[in-house]
Each structure stands twice: as C-alpha cells, then as structure tokens.
PDB file of N, CA and C in Angstrom:
ATOM      1  N   UNK A   1     343.828 151.149 252.503  1.00  0.00           N
ATOM      2  CA  UNK A   1     343.304 152.882 252.933  1.00  0.00           C
ATOM      3  C   UNK A   1     343.433 153.015 251.564  1.00  0.00           C
ATOM      4  N   UNK A   2     342.263 153.771 251.286  1.00  0.00           N
ATOM      5  CA  UNK A   2     342.206 154.644 250.213  1.00  0.00           C
ATOM      6  C   UNK A   2     341.472 156.264 250.662  1.00  0.00           C
ATOM      7  N   UNK A   3     341.849 157.253 249.663  1.00  0.00           N
ATOM      8  CA  UNK A   3     341.332 158.293 249.760  1.00  0.00           C
ATOM      9  C   UNK A   3     340.614 158.915 248.668  1.00  0.00           C
ATOM     10  N   UNK A   4     339.297 159.490 248.781  1.00  0.00           N
ATOM     11  CA  UNK A   4     338.530 160.346 247.670  1.00  0.00           C
ATOM     12  C   UNK A   4     338.827 161.721 248.127  1.00  0.00           C
ATOM     13  N   UNK A   5     338.824 162.306 247.040  1.00  0.00           N
ATOM     14  CA  UNK A   5     338.105 163.949 247.442  1.00  0.00           C
ATOM     15  C   UNK A   5     337.046 164.277 246.366  1.00  0.00           C
ATOM     16  N   UNK A   6     336.224 165.348 247.230  1.00  0.00           N
ATOM     17  CA  UNK A   6     335.334 165.631 246.370  1.00  0.00           C
ATOM     18  C   UNK A   6     334.992 167.028 246.592  1.00  0.00           C
ATOM     19  N   UNK A   7     334.535 168.101 245.961  1.00  0.00           N
ATOM     20  CA  UNK A   7     334.113 169.179 246.111  1.00  0.00           C
ATOM     21  C   UNK A   7     332.445 169.299 246.345  1.00  0.00           C
ATOM     22  N   UNK A   8     332.794 170.892 246.992  1.00  0.00           N
ATOM     23  CA  UNK A   8     331.153 170.892 247.286  1.00  0.00           C
ATOM     24  C   UNK A   8     331.370 172.657 247.489  1.00  0.00           C
ATOM     25  N   UNK A   9     329.956 172.920 246.840  1.00  0.00           N
ATOM     26  CA  UNK A   9     330.155 174.598 247.062  1.00  0.00           C
ATOM     27  C   UNK A   9     328.878 175.176 247.697  1.00  0.00           C
ATOM     28  N   UNK A  10     328.971 176.229 248.179  1.00  0.00           N
ATOM     29  CA  UNK A  10     327.779 176.813 248.767  1.00  0.00           C
ATOM     30  C   UNK A  10     327.940 178.364 248.445  1.00  0.00           C
ATOM     31  N   UNK A  11     326.561 179.195 248.849  1.00  0.00           N
ATOM     32  CA  UNK A  11     326.780 181.122 248.817  1.00  0.00           C
ATOM     33  C   UNK A  11     326.444 181.174 250.291  1.00  0.00           C
ATOM     34  N   UNK A  12     327.768 182.055 250.322  1.00  0.00           N
ATOM     35  CA  UNK A  12     327.954 182.828 251.695  1.00  0.00           C
ATOM     36  C   UNK A  12     327.211 184.483 251.553  1.00  0.00           C
ATOM     37  N   UNK A  13     326.883 185.150 252.391  1.00  0.00           N
ATOM     38  CA  UNK A  13     326.994 186.724 252.167  1.00  0.00           C
ATOM     39  C   UNK A  13     328.096 186.809 253.039  1.00  0.00           C
ATOM     40  N   UNK A  14     328.904 188.231 252.651  1.00  0.00           N
ATOM     41  CA  UNK A  14     329.953 188.298 253.123  1.00  0.00           C
ATOM     42  C   UNK A  14     330.017 188.179 254.785  1.00  0.00           C
ATOM     43  N   UNK A  15     328.904 188.771 255.448  1.00  0.00           N
ATOM     44  CA  UNK A  15     329.275 188.821 256.605  1.00  0.00           C
ATOM     45  C   UNK A  15     329.393 187.504 257.464  1.00  0.00           C
ATOM     46  N   UNK A  16     329.270 186.402 256.587  1.00  0.00           N
ATOM     47  CA  UNK A  16     329.179 185.068 257.195  1.00  0.00           C
ATOM     48  C   UNK A  16     330.295 184.503 256.434  1.00  0.00           C
ATOM     49  N   UNK A  17     330.860 185.278 256.118  1.00  0.00           N
ATOM     50  CA  UNK A  17     332.506 184.282 255.000  1.00  0.00           C
ATOM     51  C   UNK A  17     333.404 183.979 256.161  1.00  0.00           C
ATOM     52  N   UNK A  18     333.929 184.660 257.027  1.00  0.00           N
ATOM     53  CA  UNK A  18     334.830 184.391 257.737  1.00  0.00           C
ATOM     54  C   UNK A  18     334.458 183.519 258.640  1.00  0.00           C
ATOM     55  N   UNK A  19     333.278 183.249 259.338  1.00  0.00           N
ATOM     56  CA  UNK A  19     332.360 182.364 260.297  1.00  0.00           C
ATOM     57  C   UNK A  19     332.633 180.736 259.403  1.00  0.00           C
ATOM     58  N   UNK A  20     332.233 180.724 257.930  1.00  0.00           N
ATOM     59  CA  UNK A  20     332.120 179.638 257.442  1.00  0.00           C
ATOM     60  C   UNK A  20     333.494 179.384 257.145  1.00  0.00           C
ATOM     61  N   UNK A  21     334.494 179.888 256.882  1.00  0.00           N
ATOM     62  CA  UNK A  21     335.577 179.449 256.544  1.00  0.00           C
ATOM     63  C   UNK A  21     336.481 178.981 257.592  1.00  0.00           C
ATOM     64  N   UNK A  22     336.404 179.613 258.946  1.00  0.00           N
ATOM     65  CA  UNK A  22     336.686 179.254 260.245  1.00  0.00           C
ATOM     66  C   UNK A  22     336.521 177.812 260.786  1.00  0.00           C
ATOM     67  N   UNK A  23     334.748 177.525 260.567  1.00  0.00           N
ATOM     68  CA  UNK A  23     334.250 176.302 260.476  1.00  0.00           C
ATOM     69  C   UNK A  23     334.666 175.336 259.767  1.00  0.00           C
ATOM     70  N   UNK A  24     335.066 175.758 258.290  1.00  0.00           N
ATOM     71  CA  UNK A  24     335.698 174.358 257.389  1.00  0.00           C
ATOM     72  C   UNK A  24     336.971 174.388 257.667  1.00  0.00           C
ATOM     73  N   UNK A  25     338.240 175.291 258.375  1.00  0.00           N
ATOM     74  CA  UNK A  25     339.307 174.811 258.725  1.00  0.00           C
ATOM     75  C   UNK A  25     339.373 173.676 260.037  1.00  0.00           C
ATOM     76  N   UNK A  26     338.318 174.301 260.628  1.00  0.00           N
ATOM     77  CA  UNK A  26     338.598 173.051 261.978  1.00  0.00           C
ATOM     78  C   UNK A  26     337.751 172.004 261.740  1.00  0.00           C
ATOM     79  N   UNK A  27     337.628 171.533 260.751  1.00  0.00           N
ATOM     80  CA  UNK A  27     336.464 170.229 260.082  1.00  0.00           C
ATOM     81  C   UNK A  27     337.913 169.364 260.276  1.00  0.00           C
ATOM     82  N   UNK A  28     338.811 169.820 259.247  1.00  0.00           N
ATOM     83  CA  UNK A  28     340.039 169.078 259.412  1.00  0.00           C
ATOM     84  C   UNK A  28     340.226 168.016 258.192  1.00  0.00           C
ATOM     85  N   UNK A  29     339.212 167.789 257.543  1.00  0.00           N
ATOM     86  CA  UNK A  29     339.164 166.919 256.468  1.00  0.00           C
ATOM     87  C   UNK A  29     339.362 168.121 255.351  1.00  0.00           C
ATOM     88  N   UNK A  30     339.200 169.188 254.784  1.00  0.00           N
ATOM     89  CA  UNK A  30     339.437 170.363 253.706  1.00  0.00           C
ATOM     90  C   UNK A  30     340.754 170.543 253.214  1.00  0.00           C
ATOM     91  N   UNK A  31     341.117 170.618 252.335  1.00  0.00           N
ATOM     92  CA  UNK A  31     342.074 170.247 251.847  1.00  0.00           C
ATOM     93  C   UNK A  31     342.326 171.549 251.184  1.00  0.00           C
ATOM     94  N   UNK A  32     341.333 172.166 250.146  1.00  0.00           N
ATOM     95  CA  UNK A  32     341.530 173.257 249.424  1.00  0.00           C
ATOM     96  C   UNK A  32     339.961 174.338 249.456  1.00  0.00           C
ATOM     97  N   UNK A  33     340.330 175.597 250.122  1.00  0.00           N
ATOM     98  CA  UNK A  33     338.863 176.185 249.938  1.00  0.00           C
ATOM     99  C   UNK A  33     339.170 177.563 248.576  1.00  0.00           C
ATOM    100  N   UNK A  34     338.207 177.761 248.096  1.00  0.00           N
ATOM    101  CA  UNK A  34     338.361 179.033 247.268  1.00  0.00           C
ATOM    102  C   UNK A  34     337.198 179.624 247.211  1.00  0.00           C
ATOM    103  N   UNK A  35     337.483 180.854 247.413  1.00  0.00           N
ATOM    104  CA  UNK A  35     336.061 182.148 247.261  1.00  0.00           C
ATOM    105  C   UNK A  35     336.287 182.563 245.730  1.00  0.00           C
ATOM    106  N   UNK A  36     334.980 182.427 245.351  1.00  0.00           N
ATOM    107  CA  UNK A  36     334.327 183.148 244.295  1.00  0.00           C
ATOM    108  C   UNK A  36     333.259 184.091 244.343  1.00  0.00           C
ATOM    109  N   UNK A  37     333.754 185.007 243.484  1.00  0.00           N
ATOM    110  CA  UNK A  37     332.207 185.927 242.871  1.00  0.00           C
ATOM    111  C   UNK A  37     332.054 185.944 241.644  1.00  0.00           C
ATOM    112  N   UNK A  38     330.738 186.017 241.414  1.00  0.00           N
ATOM    113  CA  UNK A  38     330.165 186.127 240.077  1.00  0.00           C
ATOM    114  C   UNK A  38     331.428 184.854 239.379  1.00  0.00           C
ATOM    115  N   UNK A  39     331.321 183.927 239.526  1.00  0.00           N
ATOM    116  CA  UNK A  39     332.208 182.990 238.785  1.00  0.00           C
ATOM    117  C   UNK A  39     333.674 183.258 238.848  1.00  0.00           C
ATOM    118  N   UNK A  40     334.114 184.242 239.417  1.00  0.00           N
ATOM    119  CA  UNK A  40     335.629 184.145 239.354  1.00  0.00           C
ATOM    120  C   UNK A  40     336.395 183.973 240.575  1.00  0.00           C
ATOM    121  N   UNK A  41     337.428 183.472 240.745  1.00  0.00           N
ATOM    122  CA  UNK A  41     337.934 183.165 241.661  1.00  0.00           C
ATOM    123  C   UNK A  41     338.849 184.390 242.372  1.00  0.00           C
ATOM    124  N   UNK A  42     338.503 184.718 243.542  1.00  0.00           N
ATOM    125  CA  UNK A  42     339.002 185.683 244.007  1.00  0.00           C
ATOM    126  C   UNK A  42     339.644 184.951 245.077  1.00  0.00           C
ATOM    127  N   UNK A  43     340.267 184.204 246.022  1.00  0.00           N
ATOM    128  CA  UNK A  43     340.971 183.856 246.452  1.00  0.00           C
ATOM    129  C   UNK A  43     341.066 181.865 246.634  1.00  0.00           C
ATOM    130  N   UNK A  44     342.378 181.540 246.672  1.00  0.00           N
ATOM    131  CA  UNK A  44     342.551 180.244 247.202  1.00  0.00           C
ATOM    132  C   UNK A  44     343.183 179.842 248.132  1.00  0.00           C
ATOM    133  N   UNK A  45     342.714 179.098 248.874  1.00  0.00           N
ATOM    134  CA  UNK A  45     343.651 178.572 250.171  1.00  0.00           C
ATOM    135  C   UNK A  45     343.962 177.245 250.340  1.00  0.00           C
ATOM    136  N   UNK A  46     344.947 176.792 249.884  1.00  0.00           N
ATOM    137  CA  UNK A  46     345.633 175.147 250.439  1.00  0.00           C
ATOM    138  C   UNK A  46     345.667 175.250 251.394  1.00  0.00           C
ATOM    139  N   UNK A  47     344.824 174.083 251.915  1.00  0.00           N
ATOM    140  CA  UNK A  47     345.099 173.538 253.499  1.00  0.00           C
ATOM    141  C   UNK A  47     345.587 172.547 253.679  1.00  0.00           C
ATOM    142  N   UNK A  48     346.797 172.336 254.374  1.00  0.00           N
ATOM    143  CA  UNK A  48     347.210 170.869 254.742  1.00  0.00           C
ATOM    144  C   UNK A  48     347.015 170.232 255.803  1.00  0.00           C
ATOM    145  N   UNK A  49     347.079 168.855 256.268  1.00  0.00           N
ATOM    146  CA  UNK A  49     346.771 168.210 257.410  1.00  0.00           C
ATOM    147  C   UNK A  49     347.591 168.739 258.743  1.00  0.00           C
ATOM    148  N   UNK A  50     346.789 168.980 259.729  1.00  0.00           N
ATOM    149  CA  UNK A  50     347.896 169.414 260.765  1.00  0.00           C
ATOM    150  C   UNK A  50     348.296 171.084 260.493  1.00  0.00           C
ATOM    151  N   UNK A  51     347.641 171.767 260.186  1.00  0.00           N
ATOM    152  CA  UNK A  51     347.902 173.125 259.752  1.00  0.00           C
ATOM    153  C   UNK A  51     347.670 174.052 261.466  1.00  0.00           C
ATOM    154  N   UNK A  52     348.554 174.594 261.774  1.00  0.00           N
ATOM    155  CA  UNK A  52     348.711 175.111 263.019  1.00  0.00           C
ATOM    156  C   UNK A  52     348.215 176.537 263.215  1.00  0.00           C
ATOM    157  N   UNK A  53     348.378 176.896 264.037  1.00  0.00           N
ATOM    158  CA  UNK A  53     347.443 178.327 264.208  1.00  0.00           C
ATOM    159  C   UNK A  53     348.214 179.422 263.647  1.00  0.00           C
ATOM    160  N   UNK A  54     349.631 179.327 263.662  1.00  0.00           N
ATOM    161  CA  UNK A  54     350.366 180.559 263.049  1.00  0.00           C
ATOM    162  C   UNK A  54     350.214 180.649 261.681  1.00  0.00           C
ATOM    163  N   UNK A  55     349.708 179.643 261.043  1.00  0.00           N
ATOM    164  CA  UNK A  55     349.314 179.747 259.493  1.00  0.00           C
ATOM    165  C   UNK A  55     347.868 179.936 259.161  1.00  0.00           C
ATOM    166  N   UNK A  56     347.041 179.682 260.323  1.00  0.00           N
ATOM    167  CA  UNK A  56     345.430 180.053 260.244  1.00  0.00           C
ATOM    168  C   UNK A  56     345.363 181.492 260.357  1.00  0.00           C
ATOM    169  N   UNK A  57     346.266 182.087 261.258  1.00  0.00           N
ATOM    170  CA  UNK A  57     345.943 183.340 261.702  1.00  0.00           C
ATOM    171  C   UNK A  57     345.812 184.690 260.327  1.00  0.00           C
ATOM    172  N   UNK A  58     347.142 184.229 259.330  1.00  0.00           N
ATOM    173  CA  UNK A  58     347.424 185.201 258.261  1.00  0.00           C
ATOM    174  C   UNK A  58     346.031 184.818 257.205  1.00  0.00           C
ATOM    175  N   UNK A  59     345.674 183.493 257.039  1.00  0.00           N
ATOM    176  CA  UNK A  59     344.542 183.032 256.309  1.00  0.00           C
ATOM    177  C   UNK A  59     343.151 183.864 256.463  1.00  0.00           C
ATOM    178  N   UNK A  60     343.088 183.305 258.028  1.00  0.00           N
ATOM    179  CA  UNK A  60     341.724 184.200 258.351  1.00  0.00           C
ATOM    180  C   UNK A  60     341.575 185.865 258.399  1.00  0.00           C
ATOM    181  N   UNK A  61     342.847 186.399 258.398  1.00  0.00           N
ATOM    182  CA  UNK A  61     342.988 187.514 258.036  1.00  0.00           C
ATOM    183  C   UNK A  61     342.699 187.879 256.711  1.00  0.00           C
ATOM    184  N   UNK A  62     343.610 187.484 256.212  1.00  0.00           N
ATOM    185  CA  UNK A  62     343.076 187.696 254.223  1.00  0.00           C
ATOM    186  C   UNK A  62     340.906 187.616 254.280  1.00  0.00           C
ATOM    187  N   UNK A  63     341.304 186.423 254.812  1.00  0.00           N
ATOM    188  CA  UNK A  63     339.092 186.130 254.226  1.00  0.00           C
ATOM    189  C   UNK A  63     338.607 187.502 254.886  1.00  0.00           C
ATOM    190  N   UNK A  64     338.885 187.714 256.109  1.00  0.00           N
ATOM    191  CA  UNK A  64     338.281 188.740 256.891  1.00  0.00           C
ATOM    192  C   UNK A  64     338.251 190.508 255.474  1.00  0.00           C
ATOM    193  N   UNK A  65     339.480 190.421 255.164  1.00  0.00           N
ATOM    194  CA  UNK A  65     339.934 191.323 254.520  1.00  0.00           C
ATOM    195  C   UNK A  65     338.572 191.406 253.067  1.00  0.00           C
ATOM    196  N   UNK A  66     339.167 190.056 252.575  1.00  0.00           N
ATOM    197  CA  UNK A  66     337.904 189.735 251.218  1.00  0.00           C
ATOM    198  C   UNK A  66     336.701 190.378 251.526  1.00  0.00           C
ATOM    199  N   UNK A  67     336.155 189.684 252.905  1.00  0.00           N
ATOM    200  CA  UNK A  67     334.985 190.174 253.342  1.00  0.00           C
ATOM    201  C   UNK A  67     334.401 191.514 253.247  1.00  0.00           C
ATOM    202  N   UNK A  68     335.688 192.339 253.872  1.00  0.00           N
ATOM    203  CA  UNK A  68     334.906 194.106 253.677  1.00  0.00           C
ATOM    204  C   UNK A  68     334.952 194.383 252.533  1.00  0.00           C
ATOM    205  N   UNK A  69     335.270 193.822 251.153  1.00  0.00           N
ATOM    206  CA  UNK A  69     335.010 194.451 250.035  1.00  0.00           C
ATOM    207  C   UNK A  69     333.803 193.583 248.776  1.00  0.00           C
ATOM    208  N   UNK A  70     333.640 192.235 249.462  1.00  0.00           N
ATOM    209  CA  UNK A  70     332.467 191.676 248.462  1.00  0.00           C
ATOM    210  C   UNK A  70     331.306 191.547 249.342  1.00  0.00           C
ATOM    211  N   UNK A  71     330.534 191.061 248.592  1.00  0.00           N
ATOM    212  CA  UNK A  71     329.245 190.915 248.553  1.00  0.00           C
ATOM    213  C   UNK A  71     328.699 189.591 248.505  1.00  0.00           C
ATOM    214  N   UNK A  72     328.049 188.943 248.210  1.00  0.00           N
ATOM    215  CA  UNK A  72     327.880 187.541 248.171  1.00  0.00           C
ATOM    216  C   UNK A  72     328.852 186.777 247.594  1.00  0.00           C
ATOM    217  N   UNK A  73     329.451 185.959 247.794  1.00  0.00           N
ATOM    218  CA  UNK A  73     330.147 185.163 247.287  1.00  0.00           C
ATOM    219  C   UNK A  73     329.917 183.345 246.864  1.00  0.00           C
ATOM    220  N   UNK A  74     330.619 182.477 246.741  1.00  0.00           N
ATOM    221  CA  UNK A  74     330.249 180.976 246.626  1.00  0.00           C
ATOM    222  C   UNK A  74     331.716 180.643 247.147  1.00  0.00           C
ATOM    223  N   UNK A  75     331.967 179.652 248.280  1.00  0.00           N
ATOM    224  CA  UNK A  75     332.926 179.305 248.637  1.00  0.00           C
ATOM    225  C   UNK A  75     333.034 177.591 247.948  1.00  0.00           C
ATOM    226  N   UNK A  76     333.784 177.034 247.209  1.00  0.00           N
ATOM    227  CA  UNK A  76     334.443 176.046 246.886  1.00  0.00           C
ATOM    228  C   UNK A  76     335.408 175.170 247.702  1.00  0.00           C
ATOM    229  N   UNK A  77     334.896 173.997 248.094  1.00  0.00           N
ATOM    230  CA  UNK A  77     335.512 173.192 249.480  1.00  0.00           C
ATOM    231  C   UNK A  77     335.897 171.737 248.406  1.00  0.00           C
ATOM    232  N   UNK A  78     337.325 171.586 248.691  1.00  0.00           N
ATOM    233  CA  UNK A  78     337.800 170.257 248.285  1.00  0.00           C
ATOM    234  C   UNK A  78     337.865 169.561 249.558  1.00  0.00           C
ATOM    235  N   UNK A  79     337.673 168.453 249.714  1.00  0.00           N
ATOM    236  CA  UNK A  79     337.225 167.817 250.611  1.00  0.00           C
ATOM    237  C   UNK A  79     337.688 166.251 250.966  1.00  0.00           C
ATOM    238  N   UNK A  80     338.733 165.707 251.701  1.00  0.00           N
ATOM    239  CA  UNK A  80     339.011 164.189 251.535  1.00  0.00           C
ATOM    240  C   UNK A  80     338.192 163.285 252.975  1.00  0.00           C
ATOM    241  N   UNK A  81     338.049 162.480 252.019  1.00  0.00           N
ATOM    242  CA  UNK A  81     337.403 160.797 252.702  1.00  0.00           C
ATOM    243  C   UNK A  81     338.254 159.920 252.704  1.00  0.00           C
ATOM    244  N   UNK A  82     338.601 159.568 253.427  1.00  0.00           N
ATOM    245  CA  UNK A  82     339.076 158.403 254.000  1.00  0.00           C
ATOM    246  C   UNK A  82     338.616 157.221 253.916  1.00  0.00           C
ATOM    247  N   UNK A  83     338.805 156.142 253.192  1.00  0.00           N
ATOM    248  CA  UNK A  83     338.070 155.221 253.205  1.00  0.00           C
ATOM    249  C   UNK A  83     338.947 153.978 253.895  1.00  0.00           C
ATOM    250  N   UNK A  84     338.808 153.402 254.631  1.00  0.00           N
ATOM    251  CA  UNK A  84     339.633 152.369 255.812  1.00  0.00           C
ATOM    252  C   UNK A  84     339.009 151.028 256.113  1.00  0.00           C
ATOM    253  N   UNK A  85     338.009 151.073 255.190  1.00  0.00           N
ATOM    254  CA  UNK A  85     337.131 149.518 255.102  1.00  0.00           C
ATOM    255  C   UNK A  85     338.209 148.450 254.491  1.00  0.00           C
ATOM    256  N   UNK A  86     338.044 147.309 254.667  1.00  0.00           N
ATOM    257  CA  UNK A  86     339.104 146.546 254.347  1.00  0.00           C
ATOM    258  C   UNK A  86     337.986 145.549 253.232  1.00  0.00           C
ATOM    259  N   UNK A  87     338.697 145.193 252.468  1.00  0.00           N
ATOM    260  CA  UNK A  87     338.016 144.066 251.155  1.00  0.00           C
ATOM    261  C   UNK A  87     338.789 143.208 251.391  1.00  0.00           C
ATOM    262  N   UNK A  88     337.513 141.907 251.601  1.00  0.00           N
ATOM    263  CA  UNK A  88     338.156 140.379 251.722  1.00  0.00           C
ATOM    264  C   UNK A  88     338.528 140.133 250.568  1.00  0.00           C
ATOM    265  N   UNK A  89     339.576 139.631 250.234  1.00  0.00           N
ATOM    266  CA  UNK A  89     339.914 139.045 248.998  1.00  0.00           C
ATOM    267  C   UNK A  89     339.795 137.104 248.914  1.00  0.00           C
ATOM    268  N   UNK A  90     338.817 136.431 248.198  1.00  0.00           N
ATOM    269  CA  UNK A  90     338.449 135.297 248.664  1.00  0.00           C
ATOM    270  C   UNK A  90     339.524 134.583 247.519  1.00  0.00           C
TER     271      UNK A  90
END
C-alpha cells in the first residue's frame, strides 16, 4: 500500500470560503489547506487523519474571521490518495 500526495487549487469568493473549507475537512483525504490572496499565504491549516470536532471548531472560526476581511481568495489543498492495489511479482 502506498500513498500519493497531490495539490489542487481553486478560487472562491469570501462568502463561499467557510463552506468550501468545511466540505474539504469532511472529505477526509485532505492533509493541508492553504488560503491565499493575491499569491500571498493568508493562513495554512494542517489536517491530520482523525481530526475531531474540538479541533475543527477553532479552525472554522479562524476561516470565518478570514472570510470577513478578504474578498476573493484561492484555496490550495494537499490531498492524499492511498493506492492499495497489489502488484504481482512473477
């Protein structure tokens, strides 16, 4: 079994930021979320496997505060994909 990490990014309006981050957290294969505006990193949140609600609440509060003071932004996401296909050795 091996893990691959890849990045993706997408633009969101400030009023969509909190919902987008909530959705990403619930997907479960996200290791890190970076919020950028005009190419500058505004916030970076590492997410570990098995993150619980007590940890998520402050993260979402911070994202809400960020959304209140910025306009459009870019979210960069580090995702992990587990490849559990077995390779036959002849």
